[in-house]
N, C-alpha and C. Protein backbone atom coordinates (compact mmCIF):
# COMPACT_ATOMS: atom_id res chain seq x y z
N MET A 1 20.45 18.89 2.23
CA MET A 1 19.30 18.85 3.11
C MET A 1 19.77 18.44 4.50
N SER A 2 19.26 19.11 5.51
CA SER A 2 19.66 18.79 6.87
C SER A 2 19.11 17.42 7.26
N LYS A 3 19.80 16.77 8.17
CA LYS A 3 19.37 15.46 8.64
C LYS A 3 18.00 15.56 9.33
N SER A 4 17.79 16.63 10.07
CA SER A 4 16.52 16.80 10.76
C SER A 4 15.37 16.89 9.77
N LEU A 5 15.55 17.67 8.70
CA LEU A 5 14.52 17.79 7.68
C LEU A 5 14.32 16.45 6.97
N GLN A 6 15.42 15.78 6.65
CA GLN A 6 15.33 14.49 5.97
C GLN A 6 14.58 13.48 6.83
N ASN A 7 14.88 13.44 8.12
CA ASN A 7 14.20 12.50 9.02
C ASN A 7 12.73 12.84 9.17
N GLY A 8 12.41 14.12 9.24
CA GLY A 8 11.02 14.55 9.32
C GLY A 8 10.24 14.18 8.07
N LEU A 9 10.87 14.36 6.91
CA LEU A 9 10.21 13.99 5.65
C LEU A 9 10.02 12.49 5.54
N SER A 10 10.98 11.72 6.01
CA SER A 10 10.84 10.26 5.99
C SER A 10 9.68 9.82 6.88
N LEU A 11 9.58 10.44 8.05
CA LEU A 11 8.46 10.12 8.94
C LEU A 11 7.14 10.53 8.31
N ALA A 12 7.09 11.72 7.71
CA ALA A 12 5.87 12.19 7.05
C ALA A 12 5.47 11.23 5.92
N ALA A 13 6.44 10.77 5.15
CA ALA A 13 6.15 9.83 4.06
C ALA A 13 5.53 8.55 4.60
N ARG A 14 6.11 8.04 5.68
CA ARG A 14 5.57 6.81 6.27
C ARG A 14 4.15 7.02 6.76
N ILE A 15 3.90 8.14 7.43
CA ILE A 15 2.56 8.42 7.95
C ILE A 15 1.55 8.58 6.82
N LEU A 16 1.96 9.23 5.74
CA LEU A 16 1.04 9.42 4.61
C LEU A 16 0.71 8.10 3.92
N PHE A 17 1.66 7.19 3.84
CA PHE A 17 1.34 5.87 3.30
C PHE A 17 0.37 5.13 4.23
N VAL A 18 0.56 5.29 5.53
CA VAL A 18 -0.35 4.67 6.49
C VAL A 18 -1.76 5.22 6.30
N ALA A 19 -1.87 6.51 6.02
CA ALA A 19 -3.18 7.13 5.80
C ALA A 19 -3.91 6.52 4.60
N LEU A 20 -3.17 5.98 3.66
CA LEU A 20 -3.77 5.32 2.50
C LEU A 20 -4.11 3.86 2.81
N PHE A 21 -3.17 3.13 3.37
CA PHE A 21 -3.31 1.67 3.49
C PHE A 21 -4.08 1.21 4.73
N LEU A 22 -3.91 1.86 5.87
CA LEU A 22 -4.55 1.37 7.09
C LEU A 22 -6.08 1.45 7.02
N PRO A 23 -6.67 2.58 6.60
CA PRO A 23 -8.14 2.58 6.47
C PRO A 23 -8.65 1.55 5.46
N ALA A 24 -7.90 1.35 4.38
CA ALA A 24 -8.31 0.35 3.39
C ALA A 24 -8.30 -1.05 3.99
N GLY A 25 -7.28 -1.36 4.77
CA GLY A 25 -7.20 -2.66 5.43
C GLY A 25 -8.29 -2.85 6.45
N ILE A 26 -8.56 -1.81 7.23
CA ILE A 26 -9.61 -1.90 8.25
C ILE A 26 -10.98 -2.07 7.58
N SER A 27 -11.20 -1.36 6.47
CA SER A 27 -12.50 -1.51 5.79
C SER A 27 -12.66 -2.91 5.20
N LYS A 28 -11.56 -3.52 4.79
CA LYS A 28 -11.64 -4.91 4.31
C LYS A 28 -11.97 -5.85 5.46
N LEU A 29 -11.45 -5.55 6.63
CA LEU A 29 -11.72 -6.37 7.81
C LEU A 29 -13.17 -6.22 8.26
N THR A 30 -13.65 -4.99 8.32
CA THR A 30 -15.02 -4.76 8.81
C THR A 30 -16.08 -5.09 7.76
N GLY A 31 -15.69 -5.06 6.49
CA GLY A 31 -16.61 -5.42 5.42
C GLY A 31 -16.10 -6.61 4.64
N PHE A 32 -15.71 -7.63 5.38
CA PHE A 32 -15.02 -8.77 4.77
C PHE A 32 -15.83 -9.42 3.66
N SER A 33 -17.10 -9.65 3.89
CA SER A 33 -17.90 -10.34 2.87
C SER A 33 -18.01 -9.50 1.60
N GLY A 34 -18.12 -8.20 1.74
CA GLY A 34 -18.15 -7.32 0.56
C GLY A 34 -16.83 -7.36 -0.20
N THR A 35 -15.73 -7.41 0.54
CA THR A 35 -14.41 -7.50 -0.09
C THR A 35 -14.28 -8.81 -0.85
N VAL A 36 -14.73 -9.89 -0.24
CA VAL A 36 -14.69 -11.20 -0.90
C VAL A 36 -15.51 -11.15 -2.19
N GLY A 37 -16.69 -10.56 -2.12
CA GLY A 37 -17.54 -10.44 -3.31
C GLY A 37 -16.89 -9.60 -4.40
N TYR A 38 -16.23 -8.52 -4.01
CA TYR A 38 -15.56 -7.65 -4.99
C TYR A 38 -14.40 -8.40 -5.66
N ILE A 39 -13.64 -9.13 -4.89
CA ILE A 39 -12.53 -9.91 -5.45
C ILE A 39 -13.07 -10.99 -6.39
N ALA A 40 -14.13 -11.64 -5.98
CA ALA A 40 -14.75 -12.67 -6.83
C ALA A 40 -15.27 -12.06 -8.12
N SER A 41 -15.74 -10.81 -8.08
CA SER A 41 -16.34 -10.17 -9.26
C SER A 41 -15.34 -9.93 -10.38
N VAL A 42 -14.05 -9.92 -10.05
CA VAL A 42 -13.04 -9.76 -11.12
C VAL A 42 -12.48 -11.11 -11.55
N GLY A 43 -13.02 -12.19 -10.99
CA GLY A 43 -12.65 -13.52 -11.44
C GLY A 43 -11.41 -14.12 -10.80
N LEU A 44 -10.95 -13.54 -9.70
CA LEU A 44 -9.77 -14.11 -9.05
C LEU A 44 -10.17 -15.35 -8.26
N PRO A 45 -9.31 -16.36 -8.23
CA PRO A 45 -9.62 -17.57 -7.47
C PRO A 45 -9.44 -17.33 -5.97
N LEU A 46 -10.09 -18.13 -5.17
CA LEU A 46 -9.99 -18.08 -3.71
C LEU A 46 -10.15 -16.67 -3.16
N PRO A 47 -11.30 -16.05 -3.42
CA PRO A 47 -11.47 -14.65 -3.01
C PRO A 47 -11.38 -14.42 -1.50
N ALA A 48 -11.80 -15.38 -0.70
CA ALA A 48 -11.69 -15.22 0.76
C ALA A 48 -10.23 -15.19 1.20
N VAL A 49 -9.42 -16.04 0.58
CA VAL A 49 -7.99 -16.04 0.88
C VAL A 49 -7.36 -14.73 0.41
N GLY A 50 -7.76 -14.27 -0.76
CA GLY A 50 -7.25 -13.00 -1.27
C GLY A 50 -7.61 -11.83 -0.39
N ALA A 51 -8.86 -11.82 0.11
CA ALA A 51 -9.29 -10.75 1.00
C ALA A 51 -8.51 -10.76 2.30
N ALA A 52 -8.31 -11.94 2.86
CA ALA A 52 -7.55 -12.06 4.10
C ALA A 52 -6.10 -11.61 3.89
N LEU A 53 -5.53 -12.00 2.77
CA LEU A 53 -4.16 -11.60 2.46
C LEU A 53 -4.07 -10.09 2.27
N ALA A 54 -5.03 -9.52 1.55
CA ALA A 54 -5.03 -8.08 1.30
C ALA A 54 -5.14 -7.29 2.60
N LEU A 55 -6.05 -7.69 3.47
CA LEU A 55 -6.20 -6.93 4.72
C LEU A 55 -4.98 -7.10 5.62
N ALA A 56 -4.38 -8.28 5.61
CA ALA A 56 -3.17 -8.49 6.41
C ALA A 56 -2.02 -7.63 5.89
N VAL A 57 -1.84 -7.59 4.57
CA VAL A 57 -0.77 -6.78 3.99
C VAL A 57 -1.00 -5.31 4.31
N GLU A 58 -2.23 -4.85 4.14
CA GLU A 58 -2.49 -3.42 4.35
C GLU A 58 -2.39 -3.03 5.83
N ILE A 59 -2.91 -3.84 6.72
CA ILE A 59 -2.88 -3.49 8.14
C ILE A 59 -1.48 -3.68 8.72
N LEU A 60 -0.90 -4.86 8.51
CA LEU A 60 0.42 -5.12 9.09
C LEU A 60 1.50 -4.25 8.43
N GLY A 61 1.38 -4.07 7.11
CA GLY A 61 2.33 -3.19 6.42
C GLY A 61 2.24 -1.76 6.92
N SER A 62 1.03 -1.28 7.16
CA SER A 62 0.84 0.07 7.68
C SER A 62 1.46 0.23 9.06
N LEU A 63 1.21 -0.74 9.92
CA LEU A 63 1.75 -0.67 11.27
C LEU A 63 3.28 -0.72 11.25
N ALA A 64 3.84 -1.52 10.36
CA ALA A 64 5.30 -1.58 10.23
C ALA A 64 5.85 -0.24 9.76
N LEU A 65 5.20 0.37 8.77
CA LEU A 65 5.66 1.68 8.29
C LEU A 65 5.53 2.74 9.38
N LEU A 66 4.43 2.72 10.09
CA LEU A 66 4.21 3.71 11.14
C LEU A 66 5.32 3.65 12.19
N ALA A 67 5.68 2.45 12.59
CA ALA A 67 6.72 2.28 13.60
C ALA A 67 8.12 2.37 13.00
N GLY A 68 8.22 2.29 11.69
CA GLY A 68 9.54 2.24 11.07
C GLY A 68 10.22 0.92 11.38
N PHE A 69 9.46 -0.16 11.38
CA PHE A 69 9.97 -1.49 11.69
C PHE A 69 10.02 -2.32 10.40
N GLN A 70 11.22 -2.80 10.08
CA GLN A 70 11.40 -3.57 8.84
C GLN A 70 10.80 -2.80 7.66
N THR A 71 11.11 -1.52 7.64
CA THR A 71 10.49 -0.60 6.69
C THR A 71 10.75 -0.98 5.24
N ARG A 72 11.96 -1.34 4.93
CA ARG A 72 12.29 -1.68 3.54
C ARG A 72 11.46 -2.87 3.06
N ILE A 73 11.34 -3.88 3.90
CA ILE A 73 10.56 -5.07 3.54
C ILE A 73 9.08 -4.71 3.43
N ALA A 74 8.56 -3.98 4.42
CA ALA A 74 7.14 -3.59 4.39
C ALA A 74 6.83 -2.77 3.15
N ALA A 75 7.73 -1.84 2.80
CA ALA A 75 7.50 -1.01 1.61
C ALA A 75 7.52 -1.86 0.34
N LEU A 76 8.42 -2.83 0.25
CA LEU A 76 8.47 -3.70 -0.92
C LEU A 76 7.22 -4.56 -1.03
N VAL A 77 6.75 -5.10 0.09
CA VAL A 77 5.54 -5.92 0.07
C VAL A 77 4.34 -5.08 -0.34
N LEU A 78 4.21 -3.88 0.24
CA LEU A 78 3.10 -3.00 -0.13
C LEU A 78 3.20 -2.57 -1.59
N ALA A 79 4.41 -2.34 -2.08
CA ALA A 79 4.59 -1.96 -3.49
C ALA A 79 4.15 -3.10 -4.41
N ALA A 80 4.57 -4.31 -4.12
CA ALA A 80 4.18 -5.46 -4.95
C ALA A 80 2.67 -5.68 -4.90
N PHE A 81 2.09 -5.58 -3.71
CA PHE A 81 0.65 -5.73 -3.54
C PHE A 81 -0.10 -4.68 -4.36
N THR A 82 0.34 -3.43 -4.27
CA THR A 82 -0.33 -2.34 -4.97
C THR A 82 -0.21 -2.50 -6.48
N LEU A 83 0.95 -2.91 -6.94
CA LEU A 83 1.15 -3.11 -8.38
C LEU A 83 0.23 -4.21 -8.91
N VAL A 84 0.19 -5.33 -8.24
CA VAL A 84 -0.65 -6.45 -8.67
C VAL A 84 -2.13 -6.05 -8.61
N ALA A 85 -2.53 -5.42 -7.50
CA ALA A 85 -3.94 -5.01 -7.35
C ALA A 85 -4.35 -4.03 -8.44
N SER A 86 -3.44 -3.18 -8.86
CA SER A 86 -3.75 -2.18 -9.89
C SER A 86 -4.17 -2.84 -11.20
N PHE A 87 -3.50 -3.91 -11.56
CA PHE A 87 -3.82 -4.59 -12.82
C PHE A 87 -5.17 -5.31 -12.77
N PHE A 88 -5.56 -5.78 -11.60
CA PHE A 88 -6.83 -6.49 -11.49
C PHE A 88 -8.01 -5.56 -11.22
N PHE A 89 -7.80 -4.51 -10.43
CA PHE A 89 -8.92 -3.70 -9.98
C PHE A 89 -9.01 -2.32 -10.62
N HIS A 90 -8.01 -1.94 -11.38
CA HIS A 90 -8.03 -0.65 -12.09
C HIS A 90 -7.61 -0.84 -13.54
N ALA A 91 -8.12 -1.88 -14.15
CA ALA A 91 -7.78 -2.23 -15.54
C ALA A 91 -8.54 -1.31 -16.49
N TYR A 92 -8.04 -0.11 -16.65
CA TYR A 92 -8.74 0.90 -17.46
C TYR A 92 -8.87 0.48 -18.92
N TRP A 93 -7.95 -0.35 -19.39
CA TRP A 93 -7.99 -0.82 -20.77
C TRP A 93 -9.18 -1.74 -21.04
N ALA A 94 -9.79 -2.26 -19.98
CA ALA A 94 -10.95 -3.13 -20.13
C ALA A 94 -12.22 -2.51 -19.55
N ALA A 95 -12.12 -1.26 -19.12
CA ALA A 95 -13.27 -0.60 -18.49
C ALA A 95 -14.24 -0.08 -19.54
N PRO A 96 -15.51 0.03 -19.18
CA PRO A 96 -16.48 0.65 -20.09
C PRO A 96 -16.05 2.10 -20.38
N ALA A 97 -16.40 2.60 -21.54
CA ALA A 97 -15.96 3.93 -21.96
C ALA A 97 -16.25 5.01 -20.92
N ALA A 98 -17.38 4.93 -20.26
CA ALA A 98 -17.74 5.94 -19.26
C ALA A 98 -16.86 5.89 -18.02
N ALA A 99 -16.19 4.77 -17.78
CA ALA A 99 -15.38 4.60 -16.58
C ALA A 99 -13.88 4.67 -16.85
N VAL A 100 -13.47 4.81 -18.10
CA VAL A 100 -12.05 4.76 -18.43
C VAL A 100 -11.26 5.86 -17.73
N PHE A 101 -11.76 7.09 -17.77
CA PHE A 101 -10.99 8.21 -17.20
C PHE A 101 -10.67 7.98 -15.73
N VAL A 102 -11.70 7.69 -14.92
CA VAL A 102 -11.49 7.51 -13.49
C VAL A 102 -10.65 6.27 -13.21
N THR A 103 -10.91 5.20 -13.93
CA THR A 103 -10.16 3.96 -13.73
C THR A 103 -8.69 4.16 -14.09
N GLN A 104 -8.43 4.88 -15.16
CA GLN A 104 -7.05 5.16 -15.56
C GLN A 104 -6.37 6.05 -14.52
N LEU A 105 -7.09 7.03 -14.01
CA LEU A 105 -6.55 7.90 -12.96
C LEU A 105 -6.16 7.09 -11.73
N LEU A 106 -7.03 6.17 -11.31
CA LEU A 106 -6.74 5.33 -10.16
C LEU A 106 -5.55 4.40 -10.43
N PHE A 107 -5.48 3.87 -11.64
CA PHE A 107 -4.36 3.00 -11.99
C PHE A 107 -3.03 3.75 -11.86
N PHE A 108 -2.95 4.92 -12.47
CA PHE A 108 -1.69 5.65 -12.45
C PHE A 108 -1.39 6.27 -11.09
N LYS A 109 -2.43 6.56 -10.31
CA LYS A 109 -2.20 6.98 -8.91
C LYS A 109 -1.51 5.85 -8.17
N ASN A 110 -2.00 4.63 -8.38
CA ASN A 110 -1.38 3.48 -7.73
C ASN A 110 0.06 3.26 -8.20
N ILE A 111 0.32 3.48 -9.47
CA ILE A 111 1.68 3.35 -9.99
C ILE A 111 2.60 4.37 -9.30
N ALA A 112 2.09 5.59 -9.09
CA ALA A 112 2.87 6.60 -8.37
C ALA A 112 3.11 6.18 -6.92
N VAL A 113 2.11 5.58 -6.28
CA VAL A 113 2.26 5.07 -4.92
C VAL A 113 3.34 3.99 -4.89
N VAL A 114 3.35 3.12 -5.87
CA VAL A 114 4.40 2.09 -5.96
C VAL A 114 5.77 2.77 -6.04
N GLY A 115 5.87 3.83 -6.85
CA GLY A 115 7.14 4.56 -6.94
C GLY A 115 7.57 5.12 -5.60
N GLY A 116 6.65 5.70 -4.86
CA GLY A 116 6.98 6.22 -3.54
C GLY A 116 7.40 5.13 -2.58
N LEU A 117 6.72 4.00 -2.64
CA LEU A 117 7.09 2.87 -1.77
C LEU A 117 8.47 2.33 -2.13
N LEU A 118 8.80 2.30 -3.41
CA LEU A 118 10.13 1.86 -3.82
C LEU A 118 11.20 2.83 -3.33
N ALA A 119 10.90 4.12 -3.36
CA ALA A 119 11.85 5.11 -2.83
C ALA A 119 12.04 4.90 -1.33
N LEU A 120 10.95 4.62 -0.62
CA LEU A 120 11.05 4.34 0.81
C LEU A 120 11.87 3.07 1.06
N ALA A 121 11.65 2.06 0.23
CA ALA A 121 12.43 0.83 0.36
C ALA A 121 13.91 1.09 0.10
N ALA A 122 14.20 1.94 -0.86
CA ALA A 122 15.60 2.24 -1.20
C ALA A 122 16.29 3.06 -0.12
N ASN A 123 15.56 3.99 0.49
CA ASN A 123 16.18 4.95 1.42
C ASN A 123 15.97 4.62 2.89
N GLY A 124 15.06 3.72 3.18
CA GLY A 124 14.83 3.34 4.56
C GLY A 124 13.93 4.32 5.30
N ALA A 125 13.73 4.05 6.58
CA ALA A 125 12.74 4.76 7.39
C ALA A 125 13.24 6.09 7.94
N GLY A 126 14.53 6.31 7.94
CA GLY A 126 15.07 7.51 8.57
C GLY A 126 15.39 7.24 10.03
N ALA A 127 15.94 8.26 10.68
CA ALA A 127 16.43 8.10 12.06
C ALA A 127 15.30 7.97 13.08
N TRP A 128 14.12 8.46 12.75
CA TRP A 128 13.02 8.42 13.70
C TRP A 128 12.19 7.16 13.45
N SER A 129 12.80 6.01 13.76
CA SER A 129 12.17 4.72 13.47
C SER A 129 12.77 3.64 14.35
N LEU A 130 12.06 2.53 14.44
CA LEU A 130 12.61 1.37 15.14
C LEU A 130 13.79 0.77 14.39
N ASP A 131 13.76 0.87 13.06
CA ASP A 131 14.89 0.37 12.27
C ASP A 131 16.17 1.08 12.68
N ALA A 132 16.14 2.40 12.78
CA ALA A 132 17.33 3.16 13.16
C ALA A 132 17.74 2.85 14.58
N ARG A 133 16.77 2.68 15.45
CA ARG A 133 17.08 2.35 16.84
C ARG A 133 17.79 1.00 16.93
N ALA A 134 17.35 0.04 16.13
CA ALA A 134 17.96 -1.29 16.14
C ALA A 134 19.39 -1.25 15.60
N GLU A 135 19.67 -0.31 14.69
CA GLU A 135 21.02 -0.19 14.13
C GLU A 135 22.01 0.39 15.13
N ARG A 136 21.49 1.18 16.09
CA ARG A 136 22.38 1.84 17.06
C ARG A 136 22.93 0.90 18.08
């Protein structure tokens, strides 16, 4: 694969992850009380702290990926966040029968997202990033 294609794909991957995480983080910020209520509804302690942490991870992680800044760390943090959130918010094994299919789909979609984030963490941001610029 040519370096130009590889760098373009790395940038596209980062942008596509941003398309998932940044709107989610912004919606948590603009609908903070609803997010707190949703977190509380699954029985997690300190839901306001959890909501603040979630929006910070999603917004700051997205911005880091977009810029290609500390990409490996941002991807690992987003991967860990997504994995943990999947078990609490997409627990298909505990969902009502009518919701199992969609909940399971969301769970495994998130697992695939974790896989992509781990690949990004392993391979880095590519040449079109602040990380690459700092290495030069």
